[in-house]
Amino acid sequence: MNIHFPDTSEITVSAPCRIDFGGTLDIPLLHYTMHYLKPVTVNIAINMRTYVTLRPHTAGRIKISSRGFSEVDLPAQDMPFNHPFGLMFAIATYFKISDIHIHIESSSPPQSALGGSSTAAVALIAAIARGIERPISPAHMAVLAYQLESNVARVPCGIQDQLAAAYGGVNAWFFEALSDRSPFIQEPVISLEYYKELEEHILIAYCGAPHESKDINGKWIQQFLQGTTRKNWEQIISLTHRFISAIQRQDWSEAVAAMRDEVAIRFQMTPDVLDEMGKKLHQAALENKCAARFTGAGGGGCIWAIGEKTHIAHLKTVWSLLVNDHSDAALLIPSIADRGIINEGEII
């Protein structure tokens, strides 16, 4: 029996996207088999938020609308999960909700590799839970969104995007292989008072082309299964630990060195991890004493850089010139989100 969305309510919830370091280590195949090395990823939640608004709709139906996608309006029973909105349908089915219009509005570019779909999933879970007055913890939101996405997508997925959306902030996420514990451990990298300082050491740019993370992630997983890149991933774990330590000590030259080395390993494994614009932005960072890295699994989408303030300021000018030559590329604002889920609107 479906739960009917209240016909007098409108709810808006938002969650942040993220930039990251050490991604793919949040995929269970990697962090389970290498748990003795303490696999860890770092994500920085960014105030490019995804907004999910719930409104009442026709009895027994679910409507979903989002910029860049065709609007759909279907019966709440037997919704297709192999659909562009399949993950959202799966979440609605989990809660057995109907009579609802789900509107998704993202402030990040489409397919920007900033974790947009996972962010929308977490925001939708939070919005539905609020609408039906069913309290859910951030940890539960992240795990539920991750489990549904990994099964609907039918490809290996990680959980770092959902964690950034649910918690916000600047965090290191360690992954436990022990079944009697939480699957992840949160360790803040820096305190809130240093967020503004960190913002002055980073840049973010959209390369102008959507990413194809399945292709890149698929290659990394196949290589790992074959046993040909295990040493590479051991090095990436070590470099991620180095990066965390460097940020905590505000040792920007060490952070730059760790990022350069990590990207070099990834580039060796998959030369197409950077598209043509990404390669230009990456090279410009190297030439200006900074480091730059793709977000998510790369292959398009966004790239972000880190370095000393003066070097980042100069790189910003260089990157501006590069993205101006591409009609769809752009610099993005590196504003760190200190909060994850936010209830933007009161229940009417």
C-alpha atoms as a PDB file:
ATOM      1  CA  MET A   1       0.000   0.000   0.000  1.00  0.00           C
ATOM      2  CA  ASN A   2       1.436   3.377  -1.031  1.00  0.00           C
ATOM      3  CA  ILE A   3       2.002   6.319   1.289  1.00  0.00           C
ATOM      4  CA  HIS A   4       0.244   9.349  -0.157  1.00  0.00           C
ATOM      5  CA  PHE A   5       2.112  12.638  -0.168  1.00  0.00           C
ATOM      6  CA  PRO A   6       0.113  15.254   1.808  1.00  0.00           C
ATOM      7  CA  ASP A   7      -1.912  17.365  -0.612  1.00  0.00           C
ATOM      8  CA  THR A   8      -1.192  20.593   1.288  1.00  0.00           C
ATOM      9  CA  SER A   9       2.576  20.278   1.545  1.00  0.00           C
ATOM     10  CA  GLU A  10       5.598  21.567  -0.361  1.00  0.00           C
ATOM     11  CA  ILE A  11       9.083  20.622   0.805  1.00  0.00           C
ATOM     12  CA  THR A  12      12.481  21.706  -0.520  1.00  0.00           C
ATOM     13  CA  VAL A  13      15.721  20.075   0.605  1.00  0.00           C
ATOM     14  CA  SER A  14      19.232  20.685  -0.709  1.00  0.00           C
ATOM     15  CA  ALA A  15      22.561  18.864  -0.544  1.00  0.00           C
ATOM     16  CA  PRO A  16      26.062  19.834  -1.741  1.00  0.00           C
ATOM     17  CA  CYS A  17      28.232  18.399  -4.497  1.00  0.00           C
ATOM     18  CA  ARG A  18      31.931  17.682  -3.911  1.00  0.00           C
ATOM     19  CA  ILE A  19      35.489  17.710  -5.212  1.00  0.00           C
ATOM     20  CA  ASP A  20      37.653  14.791  -4.186  1.00  0.00           C
ATOM     21  CA  PHE A  21      41.000  13.036  -3.856  1.00  0.00           C
ATOM     22  CA  GLY A  22      41.572   9.282  -3.653  1.00  0.00           C
ATOM     23  CA  GLY A  23      38.266   8.364  -5.285  1.00  0.00           C
ATOM     24  CA  THR A  24      37.543   4.758  -6.360  1.00  0.00           C
ATOM     25  CA  LEU A  25      38.994   3.580  -3.038  1.00  0.00           C
ATOM     26  CA  ASP A  26      35.414   3.849  -1.732  1.00  0.00           C
ATOM     27  CA  ILE A  27      34.409   0.939  -3.997  1.00  0.00           C
ATOM     28  CA  PRO A  28      34.175  -2.207  -1.812  1.00  0.00           C
ATOM     29  CA  LEU A  29      36.306  -4.382  -4.106  1.00  0.00           C
ATOM     30  CA  LEU A  30      39.263  -2.092  -3.475  1.00  0.00           C
ATOM     31  CA  HIS A  31      38.848  -1.154   0.167  1.00  0.00           C
ATOM     32  CA  TYR A  32      37.958  -4.664   1.310  1.00  0.00           C
ATOM     33  CA  THR A  33      40.915  -6.341  -0.350  1.00  0.00           C
ATOM     34  CA  MET A  34      43.330  -3.603   0.762  1.00  0.00           C
ATOM     35  CA  HIS A  35      41.813  -2.863   4.177  1.00  0.00           C
ATOM     36  CA  TYR A  36      45.162  -3.460   5.915  1.00  0.00           C
ATOM     37  CA  LEU A  37      46.465  -0.254   4.247  1.00  0.00           C
ATOM     38  CA  LYS A  38      43.578   1.848   5.654  1.00  0.00           C
ATOM     39  CA  PRO A  39      42.005   2.966   2.349  1.00  0.00           C
ATOM     40  CA  VAL A  40      40.696   6.502   2.524  1.00  0.00           C
ATOM     41  CA  THR A  41      39.147   9.119   0.280  1.00  0.00           C
ATOM     42  CA  VAL A  42      38.955  12.871   0.831  1.00  0.00           C
ATOM     43  CA  ASN A  43      36.055  15.013  -0.266  1.00  0.00           C
ATOM     44  CA  ILE A  44      35.391  18.712   0.012  1.00  0.00           C
ATOM     45  CA  ALA A  45      31.696  19.559  -0.111  1.00  0.00           C
ATOM     46  CA  ILE A  46      31.005  22.498  -2.418  1.00  0.00           C
ATOM     47  CA  ASN A  47      28.106  24.964  -2.261  1.00  0.00           C
ATOM     48  CA  MET A  48      26.932  23.980  -5.707  1.00  0.00           C
ATOM     49  CA  ARG A  49      23.836  22.469  -4.231  1.00  0.00           C
ATOM     50  CA  THR A  50      21.177  20.203  -5.691  1.00  0.00           C
ATOM     51  CA  TYR A  51      17.627  21.167  -4.681  1.00  0.00           C
ATOM     52  CA  VAL A  52      14.792  18.659  -4.523  1.00  0.00           C
ATOM     53  CA  THR A  53      11.270  20.025  -4.169  1.00  0.00           C
ATOM     54  CA  LEU A  54       8.276  17.803  -3.451  1.00  0.00           C
ATOM     55  CA  ARG A  55       4.771  18.936  -4.323  1.00  0.00           C
ATOM     56  CA  PRO A  56       1.395  17.175  -4.325  1.00  0.00           C
ATOM     57  CA  HIS A  57       0.404  15.493  -7.590  1.00  0.00           C
ATOM     58  CA  THR A  58      -2.298  13.311  -9.140  1.00  0.00           C
ATOM     59  CA  ALA A  59      -3.397  10.377  -6.973  1.00  0.00           C
ATOM     60  CA  GLY A  60      -1.505   7.175  -7.667  1.00  0.00           C
ATOM     61  CA  ARG A  61       1.141   8.838  -9.876  1.00  0.00           C
ATOM     62  CA  ILE A  62       4.668  10.188  -9.641  1.00  0.00           C
ATOM     63  CA  LYS A  63       5.950  13.064 -11.747  1.00  0.00           C
ATOM     64  CA  ILE A  64       9.652  13.948 -12.057  1.00  0.00           C
ATOM     65  CA  SER A  65      11.084  17.051 -13.701  1.00  0.00           C
ATOM     66  CA  SER A  66      14.676  18.246 -13.989  1.00  0.00           C
ATOM     67  CA  ARG A  67      16.546  20.623 -16.262  1.00  0.00           C
ATOM     68  CA  GLY A  68      18.113  18.769 -19.187  1.00  0.00           C
ATOM     69  CA  PHE A  69      15.763  15.769 -18.972  1.00  0.00           C
ATOM     70  CA  SER A  70      12.347  15.022 -20.421  1.00  0.00           C
ATOM     71  CA  GLU A  71       9.628  15.290 -17.803  1.00  0.00           C
ATOM     72  CA  VAL A  72       7.942  12.007 -16.852  1.00  0.00           C
ATOM     73  CA  ASP A  73       4.585  11.291 -15.219  1.00  0.00           C
ATOM     74  CA  LEU A  74       3.935   7.607 -14.446  1.00  0.00           C
ATOM     75  CA  PRO A  75       1.779   5.370 -12.254  1.00  0.00           C
ATOM     76  CA  ALA A  76       3.480   4.739  -8.906  1.00  0.00           C
ATOM     77  CA  GLN A  77       3.279   0.987  -9.495  1.00  0.00           C
ATOM     78  CA  ASP A  78       5.949  -0.762 -11.615  1.00  0.00           C
ATOM     79  CA  MET A  79       8.083   2.293 -12.347  1.00  0.00           C
ATOM     80  CA  PRO A  80      11.114   1.492 -14.573  1.00  0.00           C
ATOM     81  CA  PHE A  81      14.483   1.485 -12.851  1.00  0.00           C
ATOM     82  CA  ASN A  82      16.367   1.283 -16.180  1.00  0.00           C
ATOM     83  CA  HIS A  83      15.407   4.868 -16.946  1.00  0.00           C
ATOM     84  CA  PRO A  84      17.292   8.206 -16.692  1.00  0.00           C
ATOM     85  CA  PHE A  85      15.271   8.747 -13.499  1.00  0.00           C
ATOM     86  CA  GLY A  86      15.595   5.107 -12.436  1.00  0.00           C
ATOM     87  CA  LEU A  87      17.391   5.922  -9.185  1.00  0.00           C
ATOM     88  CA  MET A  88      14.695   8.421  -8.210  1.00  0.00           C
ATOM     89  CA  PHE A  89      11.989   5.877  -9.037  1.00  0.00           C
ATOM     90  CA  ALA A  90      13.804   3.305  -6.880  1.00  0.00           C
ATOM     91  CA  ILE A  91      13.882   5.720  -3.931  1.00  0.00           C
ATOM     92  CA  ALA A  92      10.177   6.500  -4.325  1.00  0.00           C
ATOM     93  CA  THR A  93       9.457   2.762  -4.484  1.00  0.00           C
ATOM     94  CA  TYR A  94      11.511   2.123  -1.340  1.00  0.00           C
ATOM     95  CA  PHE A  95       9.328   4.578   0.578  1.00  0.00           C
ATOM     96  CA  LYS A  96       6.139   3.417  -1.238  1.00  0.00           C
ATOM     97  CA  ILE A  97       5.269   7.062  -1.842  1.00  0.00           C
ATOM     98  CA  SER A  98       2.844   8.325  -4.487  1.00  0.00           C
ATOM     99  CA  ASP A  99       0.760  11.405  -5.399  1.00  0.00           C
ATOM    100  CA  ILE A 100       3.978  13.376  -5.688  1.00  0.00           C
ATOM    101  CA  HIS A 101       5.793  15.711  -8.077  1.00  0.00           C
ATOM    102  CA  ILE A 102       9.592  15.541  -7.616  1.00  0.00           C
ATOM    103  CA  HIS A 103      11.411  18.547  -9.062  1.00  0.00           C
ATOM    104  CA  ILE A 104      15.224  18.448  -9.163  1.00  0.00           C
ATOM    105  CA  GLU A 105      17.269  21.597  -9.707  1.00  0.00           C
ATOM    106  CA  SER A 106      21.055  21.365  -9.749  1.00  0.00           C
ATOM    107  CA  SER A 107      23.380  24.358  -9.561  1.00  0.00           C
ATOM    108  CA  SER A 108      26.272  22.300 -10.972  1.00  0.00           C
ATOM    109  CA  PRO A 109      26.803  21.720 -14.713  1.00  0.00           C
ATOM    110  CA  PRO A 110      25.199  18.542 -16.119  1.00  0.00           C
ATOM    111  CA  GLN A 111      27.354  15.398 -15.815  1.00  0.00           C
ATOM    112  CA  SER A 112      30.110  17.476 -14.244  1.00  0.00           C
ATOM    113  CA  ALA A 113      31.603  14.601 -12.187  1.00  0.00           C
ATOM    114  CA  LEU A 114      30.795  16.483  -8.981  1.00  0.00           C
ATOM    115  CA  GLY A 115      28.530  13.697  -7.707  1.00  0.00           C
ATOM    116  CA  GLY A 116      25.258  15.259  -8.906  1.00  0.00           C
ATOM    117  CA  SER A 117      23.097  12.148  -9.217  1.00  0.00           C
ATOM    118  CA  SER A 118      24.185  10.830  -5.822  1.00  0.00           C
ATOM    119  CA  THR A 119      23.581  14.257  -4.297  1.00  0.00           C
ATOM    120  CA  ALA A 120      20.072  14.354  -5.755  1.00  0.00           C
ATOM    121  CA  ALA A 121      19.402  10.886  -4.351  1.00  0.00           C
ATOM    122  CA  VAL A 122      20.414  11.899  -0.827  1.00  0.00           C
ATOM    123  CA  ALA A 123      18.360  15.099  -1.051  1.00  0.00           C
ATOM    124  CA  LEU A 124      15.316  13.149  -2.275  1.00  0.00           C
ATOM    125  CA  ILE A 125      15.613  10.648   0.591  1.00  0.00           C
ATOM    126  CA  ALA A 126      15.835  13.511   3.082  1.00  0.00           C
ATOM    127  CA  ALA A 127      12.845  15.298   1.518  1.00  0.00           C
ATOM    128  CA  ILE A 128      10.595  12.217   1.470  1.00  0.00           C
ATOM    129  CA  ALA A 129      11.604  11.266   5.010  1.00  0.00           C
ATOM    130  CA  ARG A 130      10.698  14.767   6.138  1.00  0.00           C
ATOM    131  CA  GLY A 131       7.400  14.720   4.272  1.00  0.00           C
ATOM    132  CA  ILE A 132       6.274  11.445   5.848  1.00  0.00           C
ATOM    133  CA  GLU A 133       7.797  12.400   9.233  1.00  0.00           C
ATOM    134  CA  ARG A 134      10.185   9.463   9.285  1.00  0.00           C
ATOM    135  CA  PRO A 135      13.509  10.552  10.858  1.00  0.00           C
ATOM    136  CA  ILE A 136      16.587   9.232   9.066  1.00  0.00           C
ATOM    137  CA  SER A 137      20.187   9.864  10.120  1.00  0.00           C
ATOM    138  CA  PRO A 138      22.782  11.230   7.646  1.00  0.00           C
ATOM    139  CA  ALA A 139      24.545   7.848   7.765  1.00  0.00           C
ATOM    140  CA  HIS A 140      21.319   6.021   6.866  1.00  0.00           C
ATOM    141  CA  MET A 141      20.618   8.484   4.028  1.00  0.00           C
ATOM    142  CA  ALA A 142      24.093   7.969   2.557  1.00  0.00           C
ATOM    143  CA  VAL A 143      24.018   4.173   2.797  1.00  0.00           C
ATOM    144  CA  LEU A 144      20.489   3.884   1.405  1.00  0.00           C
ATOM    145  CA  ALA A 145      21.279   6.187  -1.536  1.00  0.00           C
ATOM    146  CA  TYR A 146      24.501   4.273  -2.205  1.00  0.00           C
ATOM    147  CA  GLN A 147      22.909   0.824  -2.065  1.00  0.00           C
ATOM    148  CA  LEU A 148      20.064   1.790  -4.368  1.00  0.00           C
ATOM    149  CA  GLU A 149      22.372   3.561  -6.841  1.00  0.00           C
ATOM    150  CA  SER A 150      24.904   0.736  -7.017  1.00  0.00           C
ATOM    151  CA  ASN A 151      22.173  -1.805  -7.733  1.00  0.00           C
ATOM    152  CA  VAL A 152      20.173   0.326 -10.174  1.00  0.00           C
ATOM    153  CA  ALA A 153      23.354   1.304 -12.073  1.00  0.00           C
ATOM    154  CA  ARG A 154      24.538  -2.332 -12.148  1.00  0.00           C
ATOM    155  CA  VAL A 155      28.177  -1.186 -12.033  1.00  0.00           C
ATOM    156  CA  PRO A 156      30.610  -0.932  -9.092  1.00  0.00           C
ATOM    157  CA  CYS A 157      29.894   2.293  -7.195  1.00  0.00           C
ATOM    158  CA  GLY A 158      31.479   4.057  -4.254  1.00  0.00           C
ATOM    159  CA  ILE A 159      29.847   5.919  -1.387  1.00  0.00           C
ATOM    160  CA  GLN A 160      31.921   9.092  -1.099  1.00  0.00           C
ATOM    161  CA  ASP A 161      29.500  11.244  -3.131  1.00  0.00           C
ATOM    162  CA  GLN A 162      26.587  10.319  -0.881  1.00  0.00           C
ATOM    163  CA  LEU A 163      28.676  10.974   2.236  1.00  0.00           C
ATOM    164  CA  ALA A 164      29.645  14.464   1.064  1.00  0.00           C
ATOM    165  CA  ALA A 165      25.984  15.210   0.278  1.00  0.00           C
ATOM    166  CA  ALA A 166      24.720  13.978   3.640  1.00  0.00           C
ATOM    167  CA  TYR A 167      27.417  15.466   5.881  1.00  0.00           C
ATOM    168  CA  GLY A 168      29.016  18.394   4.012  1.00  0.00           C
ATOM    169  CA  GLY A 169      32.373  19.721   5.191  1.00  0.00           C
ATOM    170  CA  VAL A 170      35.952  18.641   4.494  1.00  0.00           C
ATOM    171  CA  ASN A 171      36.329  15.007   5.480  1.00  0.00           C
ATOM    172  CA  ALA A 172      38.500  11.955   5.182  1.00  0.00           C
ATOM    173  CA  TRP A 173      36.427   8.784   4.894  1.00  0.00           C
ATOM    174  CA  PHE A 174      37.990   5.518   6.008  1.00  0.00           C
ATOM    175  CA  PHE A 175      36.329   2.265   5.003  1.00  0.00           C
ATOM    176  CA  GLU A 176      36.050  -0.662   7.378  1.00  0.00           C
ATOM    177  CA  ALA A 177      35.976  -4.277   6.226  1.00  0.00           C
ATOM    178  CA  LEU A 178      34.497  -5.476   9.518  1.00  0.00           C
ATOM    179  CA  SER A 179      30.796  -6.289   9.323  1.00  0.00           C
ATOM    180  CA  ASP A 180      30.083  -5.419  12.974  1.00  0.00           C
ATOM    181  CA  ARG A 181      31.043  -1.781  12.457  1.00  0.00           C
ATOM    182  CA  SER A 182      29.838   1.116  10.341  1.00  0.00           C
ATOM    183  CA  PRO A 183      31.071   0.712   6.739  1.00  0.00           C
ATOM    184  CA  PHE A 184      32.788   4.082   7.017  1.00  0.00           C
ATOM    185  CA  ILE A 185      34.526   6.281   9.580  1.00  0.00           C
ATOM    186  CA  GLN A 186      34.382  10.072   9.281  1.00  0.00           C
ATOM    187  CA  GLU A 187      37.440  12.115  10.214  1.00  0.00           C
ATOM    188  CA  PRO A 188      37.237  15.878   9.606  1.00  0.00           C
ATOM    189  CA  VAL A 189      40.408  17.018   7.836  1.00  0.00           C
ATOM    190  CA  ILE A 190      40.260  20.620   9.074  1.00  0.00           C
ATOM    191  CA  SER A 191      37.979  22.545  11.392  1.00  0.00           C
ATOM    192  CA  LEU A 192      35.303  24.934  10.198  1.00  0.00           C
ATOM    193  CA  GLU A 193      37.406  28.008  10.999  1.00  0.00           C
ATOM    194  CA  TYR A 194      39.920  27.048   8.289  1.00  0.00           C
ATOM    195  CA  TYR A 195      37.410  26.588   5.441  1.00  0.00           C
ATOM    196  CA  LYS A 196      37.853  30.142   4.151  1.00  0.00           C
ATOM    197  CA  GLU A 197      41.622  29.682   4.166  1.00  0.00           C
ATOM    198  CA  LEU A 198      41.348  26.465   2.150  1.00  0.00           C
ATOM    199  CA  GLU A 199      39.052  28.169  -0.376  1.00  0.00           C
ATOM    200  CA  GLU A 200      41.895  30.553  -1.246  1.00  0.00           C
ATOM    201  CA  HIS A 201      44.140  27.617  -2.152  1.00  0.00           C
ATOM    202  CA  ILE A 202      41.825  25.864  -4.620  1.00  0.00           C
ATOM    203  CA  LEU A 203      40.284  26.400  -8.056  1.00  0.00           C
ATOM    204  CA  ILE A 204      37.532  24.492  -9.860  1.00  0.00           C
ATOM    205  CA  ALA A 205      36.749  24.491 -13.570  1.00  0.00           C
ATOM    206  CA  TYR A 206      34.158  22.747 -15.737  1.00  0.00           C
ATOM    207  CA  CYS A 207      35.868  21.402 -18.841  1.00  0.00           C
ATOM    208  CA  GLY A 208      32.805  21.873 -21.039  1.00  0.00           C
ATOM    209  CA  ALA A 209      32.136  18.208 -21.790  1.00  0.00           C
ATOM    210  CA  PRO A 210      30.170  15.640 -19.741  1.00  0.00           C
ATOM    211  CA  HIS A 211      32.111  12.870 -18.037  1.00  0.00           C
ATOM    212  CA  GLU A 212      31.839   9.152 -18.763  1.00  0.00           C
ATOM    213  CA  SER A 213      32.691   7.716 -15.356  1.00  0.00           C
ATOM    214  CA  LYS A 214      31.456   4.216 -16.163  1.00  0.00           C
ATOM    215  CA  ASP A 215      34.114   3.861 -18.848  1.00  0.00           C
ATOM    216  CA  ILE A 216      36.994   5.050 -16.643  1.00  0.00           C
ATOM    217  CA  ASN A 217      35.842   3.276 -13.492  1.00  0.00           C
ATOM    218  CA  GLY A 218      35.207   0.145 -15.511  1.00  0.00           C
ATOM    219  CA  LYS A 219      38.794   0.137 -16.760  1.00  0.00           C
ATOM    220  CA  TRP A 220      40.185   0.645 -13.259  1.00  0.00           C
ATOM    221  CA  ILE A 221      38.059  -2.187 -11.894  1.00  0.00           C
ATOM    222  CA  GLN A 222      39.038  -4.563 -14.703  1.00  0.00           C
ATOM    223  CA  GLN A 223      42.731  -3.754 -14.224  1.00  0.00           C
ATOM    224  CA  PHE A 224      42.390  -4.326 -10.487  1.00  0.00           C
ATOM    225  CA  LEU A 225      40.595  -7.642 -11.021  1.00  0.00           C
ATOM    226  CA  GLN A 226      43.383  -8.759 -13.338  1.00  0.00           C
ATOM    227  CA  GLY A 227      45.970  -7.949 -10.675  1.00  0.00           C
ATOM    228  CA  THR A 228      47.987  -5.666 -12.939  1.00  0.00           C
ATOM    229  CA  THR A 229      47.549  -2.415 -10.963  1.00  0.00           C
ATOM    230  CA  ARG A 230      47.551  -3.437  -7.301  1.00  0.00           C
ATOM    231  CA  LYS A 231      50.825  -1.595  -6.638  1.00  0.00           C
ATOM    232  CA  ASN A 232      49.361   1.522  -8.237  1.00  0.00           C
ATOM    233  CA  TRP A 233      46.424   1.493  -5.850  1.00  0.00           C
ATOM    234  CA  GLU A 234      48.682   0.874  -2.867  1.00  0.00           C
ATOM    235  CA  GLN A 235      50.575   4.007  -3.879  1.00  0.00           C
ATOM    236  CA  ILE A 236      47.319   5.951  -4.290  1.00  0.00           C
ATOM    237  CA  ILE A 237      46.293   5.012  -0.738  1.00  0.00           C
ATOM    238  CA  SER A 238      49.655   6.223   0.567  1.00  0.00           C
ATOM    239  CA  LEU A 239      49.406   9.454  -1.428  1.00  0.00           C
ATOM    240  CA  THR A 240      45.900  10.107  -0.109  1.00  0.00           C
ATOM    241  CA  HIS A 241      47.203   9.818   3.454  1.00  0.00           C
ATOM    242  CA  ARG A 242      50.006  12.228   2.512  1.00  0.00           C
ATOM    243  CA  PHE A 243      47.512  14.665   1.038  1.00  0.00           C
ATOM    244  CA  ILE A 244      45.379  14.627   4.193  1.00  0.00           C
ATOM    245  CA  SER A 245      48.405  15.272   6.387  1.00  0.00           C
ATOM    246  CA  ALA A 246      49.578  18.112   4.129  1.00  0.00           C
ATOM    247  CA  ILE A 247      46.185  19.867   4.264  1.00  0.00           C
ATOM    248  CA  GLN A 248      46.077  19.525   8.040  1.00  0.00           C
ATOM    249  CA  ARG A 249      49.544  21.090   8.336  1.00  0.00           C
ATOM    250  CA  GLN A 250      48.757  23.666   5.630  1.00  0.00           C
ATOM    251  CA  ASP A 251      51.828  22.407   3.787  1.00  0.00           C
ATOM    252  CA  TRP A 252      50.689  23.421   0.311  1.00  0.00           C
ATOM    253  CA  SER A 253      53.854  22.339  -1.491  1.00  0.00           C
ATOM    254  CA  GLU A 254      53.425  18.832  -0.048  1.00  0.00           C
ATOM    255  CA  ALA A 255      49.728  18.817  -1.029  1.00  0.00           C
ATOM    256  CA  VAL A 256      50.735  19.821  -4.570  1.00  0.00           C
ATOM    257  CA  ALA A 257      53.353  17.058  -4.716  1.00  0.00           C
ATOM    258  CA  ALA A 258      50.906  14.397  -3.484  1.00  0.00           C
ATOM    259  CA  MET A 259      48.261  15.431  -6.005  1.00  0.00           C
ATOM    260  CA  ARG A 260      50.745  15.524  -8.884  1.00  0.00           C
ATOM    261  CA  ASP A 261      51.966  12.025  -8.067  1.00  0.00           C
ATOM    262  CA  GLU A 262      48.439  10.631  -7.682  1.00  0.00           C
ATOM    263  CA  VAL A 263      47.284  12.055 -11.019  1.00  0.00           C
ATOM    264  CA  ALA A 264      50.420  10.736 -12.729  1.00  0.00           C
ATOM    265  CA  ILE A 265      49.557   7.207 -11.574  1.00  0.00           C
ATOM    266  CA  ARG A 266      45.957   7.529 -12.737  1.00  0.00           C
ATOM    267  CA  PHE A 267      47.070   8.975 -16.060  1.00  0.00           C
ATOM    268  CA  GLN A 268      49.429   6.054 -16.539  1.00  0.00           C
ATOM    269  CA  MET A 269      46.610   3.557 -15.930  1.00  0.00           C
ATOM    270  CA  THR A 270      44.037   5.436 -18.049  1.00  0.00           C
ATOM    271  CA  PRO A 271      45.349   8.189 -20.356  1.00  0.00           C
ATOM    272  CA  ASP A 272      41.751   9.192 -21.166  1.00  0.00           C
ATOM    273  CA  VAL A 273      41.076  10.159 -17.533  1.00  0.00           C
ATOM    274  CA  LEU A 274      41.640  13.748 -18.720  1.00  0.00           C
ATOM    275  CA  ASP A 275      39.869  15.072 -21.806  1.00  0.00           C
ATOM    276  CA  GLU A 276      41.519  17.655 -24.070  1.00  0.00           C
ATOM    277  CA  MET A 277      40.448  20.658 -22.004  1.00  0.00           C
ATOM    278  CA  GLY A 278      41.367  18.804 -18.828  1.00  0.00           C
ATOM    279  CA  LYS A 279      44.870  18.180 -20.176  1.00  0.00           C
ATOM    280  CA  LYS A 280      45.295  21.886 -20.937  1.00  0.00           C
ATOM    281  CA  LEU A 281      44.118  22.909 -17.477  1.00  0.00           C
ATOM    282  CA  HIS A 282      46.293  20.240 -15.847  1.00  0.00           C
ATOM    283  CA  GLN A 283      49.385  21.346 -17.761  1.00  0.00           C
ATOM    284  CA  ALA A 284      48.735  24.980 -16.886  1.00  0.00           C
ATOM    285  CA  ALA A 285      48.602  24.017 -13.203  1.00  0.00           C
ATOM    286  CA  LEU A 286      51.963  22.259 -13.457  1.00  0.00           C
ATOM    287  CA  GLU A 287      53.501  25.266 -15.172  1.00  0.00           C
ATOM    288  CA  ASN A 288      52.240  27.546 -12.391  1.00  0.00           C
ATOM    289  CA  LYS A 289      53.581  25.503  -9.443  1.00  0.00           C
ATOM    290  CA  CYS A 290      50.166  24.038  -8.645  1.00  0.00           C
ATOM    291  CA  ALA A 291      48.590  20.607  -9.080  1.00  0.00           C
ATOM    292  CA  ALA A 292      45.289  19.785 -10.753  1.00  0.00           C
ATOM    293  CA  ARG A 293      43.083  16.738 -10.632  1.00  0.00           C
ATOM    294  CA  PHE A 294      39.884  15.520 -12.278  1.00  0.00           C
ATOM    295  CA  THR A 295      36.809  15.139 -10.056  1.00  0.00           C
ATOM    296  CA  GLY A 296      35.070  11.791  -9.662  1.00  0.00           C
ATOM    297  CA  ALA A 297      36.261   9.265 -12.220  1.00  0.00           C
ATOM    298  CA  GLY A 298      37.291  11.899 -14.770  1.00  0.00           C
ATOM    299  CA  GLY A 299      36.849  11.467 -18.493  1.00  0.00           C
ATOM    300  CA  GLY A 300      35.356  14.956 -18.749  1.00  0.00           C
ATOM    301  CA  GLY A 301      33.372  17.006 -16.273  1.00  0.00           C
ATOM    302  CA  CYS A 302      35.371  19.105 -13.793  1.00  0.00           C
ATOM    303  CA  ILE A 303      38.971  19.544 -12.730  1.00  0.00           C
ATOM    304  CA  TRP A 304      40.241  21.200  -9.564  1.00  0.00           C
ATOM    305  CA  ALA A 305      43.580  22.645  -8.526  1.00  0.00           C
ATOM    306  CA  ILE A 306      45.464  23.294  -5.301  1.00  0.00           C
ATOM    307  CA  GLY A 307      48.493  25.429  -4.509  1.00  0.00           C
ATOM    308  CA  GLU A 308      49.911  28.415  -2.653  1.00  0.00           C
ATOM    309  CA  LYS A 309      47.610  31.465  -2.710  1.00  0.00           C
ATOM    310  CA  THR A 310      49.822  33.487  -5.059  1.00  0.00           C
ATOM    311  CA  HIS A 311      50.220  30.564  -7.453  1.00  0.00           C
ATOM    312  CA  ILE A 312      46.471  29.836  -7.415  1.00  0.00           C
ATOM    313  CA  ALA A 313      45.710  33.508  -8.067  1.00  0.00           C
ATOM    314  CA  HIS A 314      47.939  33.465 -11.138  1.00  0.00           C
ATOM    315  CA  LEU A 315      46.560  30.118 -12.278  1.00  0.00           C
ATOM    316  CA  LYS A 316      43.043  31.535 -12.061  1.00  0.00           C
ATOM    317  CA  THR A 317      43.965  34.091 -14.721  1.00  0.00           C
ATOM    318  CA  VAL A 318      45.471  31.399 -16.944  1.00  0.00           C
ATOM    319  CA  TRP A 319      42.499  29.066 -16.518  1.00  0.00           C
ATOM    320  CA  SER A 320      40.098  31.916 -17.273  1.00  0.00           C
ATOM    321  CA  LEU A 321      41.759  32.423 -20.650  1.00  0.00           C
ATOM    322  CA  LEU A 322      41.636  28.695 -21.404  1.00  0.00           C
ATOM    323  CA  VAL A 323      37.953  28.215 -20.553  1.00  0.00           C
ATOM    324  CA  ASN A 324      36.997  31.362 -22.457  1.00  0.00           C
ATOM    325  CA  ASP A 325      38.105  29.551 -25.622  1.00  0.00           C
ATOM    326  CA  HIS A 326      35.454  26.861 -25.040  1.00  0.00           C
ATOM    327  CA  SER A 327      31.809  27.873 -25.241  1.00  0.00           C
ATOM    328  CA  ASP A 328      30.647  25.476 -22.514  1.00  0.00           C
ATOM    329  CA  ALA A 329      33.650  25.519 -20.148  1.00  0.00           C
ATOM    330  CA  ALA A 330      33.698  27.778 -17.085  1.00  0.00           C
ATOM    331  CA  LEU A 331      35.390  28.531 -13.787  1.00  0.00           C
ATOM    332  CA  LEU A 332      33.291  27.568 -10.760  1.00  0.00           C
ATOM    333  CA  ILE A 333      33.208  29.159  -7.311  1.00  0.00           C
ATOM    334  CA  PRO A 334      35.161  27.097  -4.740  1.00  0.00           C
ATOM    335  CA  SER A 335      32.822  27.793  -1.805  1.00  0.00           C
ATOM    336  CA  ILE A 336      33.019  25.046   0.813  1.00  0.00           C
ATOM    337  CA  ALA A 337      29.690  23.766   2.166  1.00  0.00           C
ATOM    338  CA  ASP A 338      29.875  23.470   5.936  1.00  0.00           C
ATOM    339  CA  ARG A 339      26.539  21.643   6.005  1.00  0.00           C
ATOM    340  CA  GLY A 340      25.188  18.632   4.185  1.00  0.00           C
ATOM    341  CA  ILE A 341      21.411  18.292   4.046  1.00  0.00           C
ATOM    342  CA  ILE A 342      19.528  21.581   4.490  1.00  0.00           C
ATOM    343  CA  ASN A 343      15.762  21.935   4.793  1.00  0.00           C
ATOM    344  CA  GLU A 344      15.269  24.945   2.550  1.00  0.00           C
ATOM    345  CA  GLY A 345      11.524  25.359   2.956  1.00  0.00           C
ATOM    346  CA  GLU A 346       9.039  24.723   5.705  1.00  0.00           C
ATOM    347  CA  ILE A 347       6.148  22.318   5.285  1.00  0.00           C
ATOM    348  CA  ILE A 348       3.155  24.453   4.288  1.00  0.00           C
END
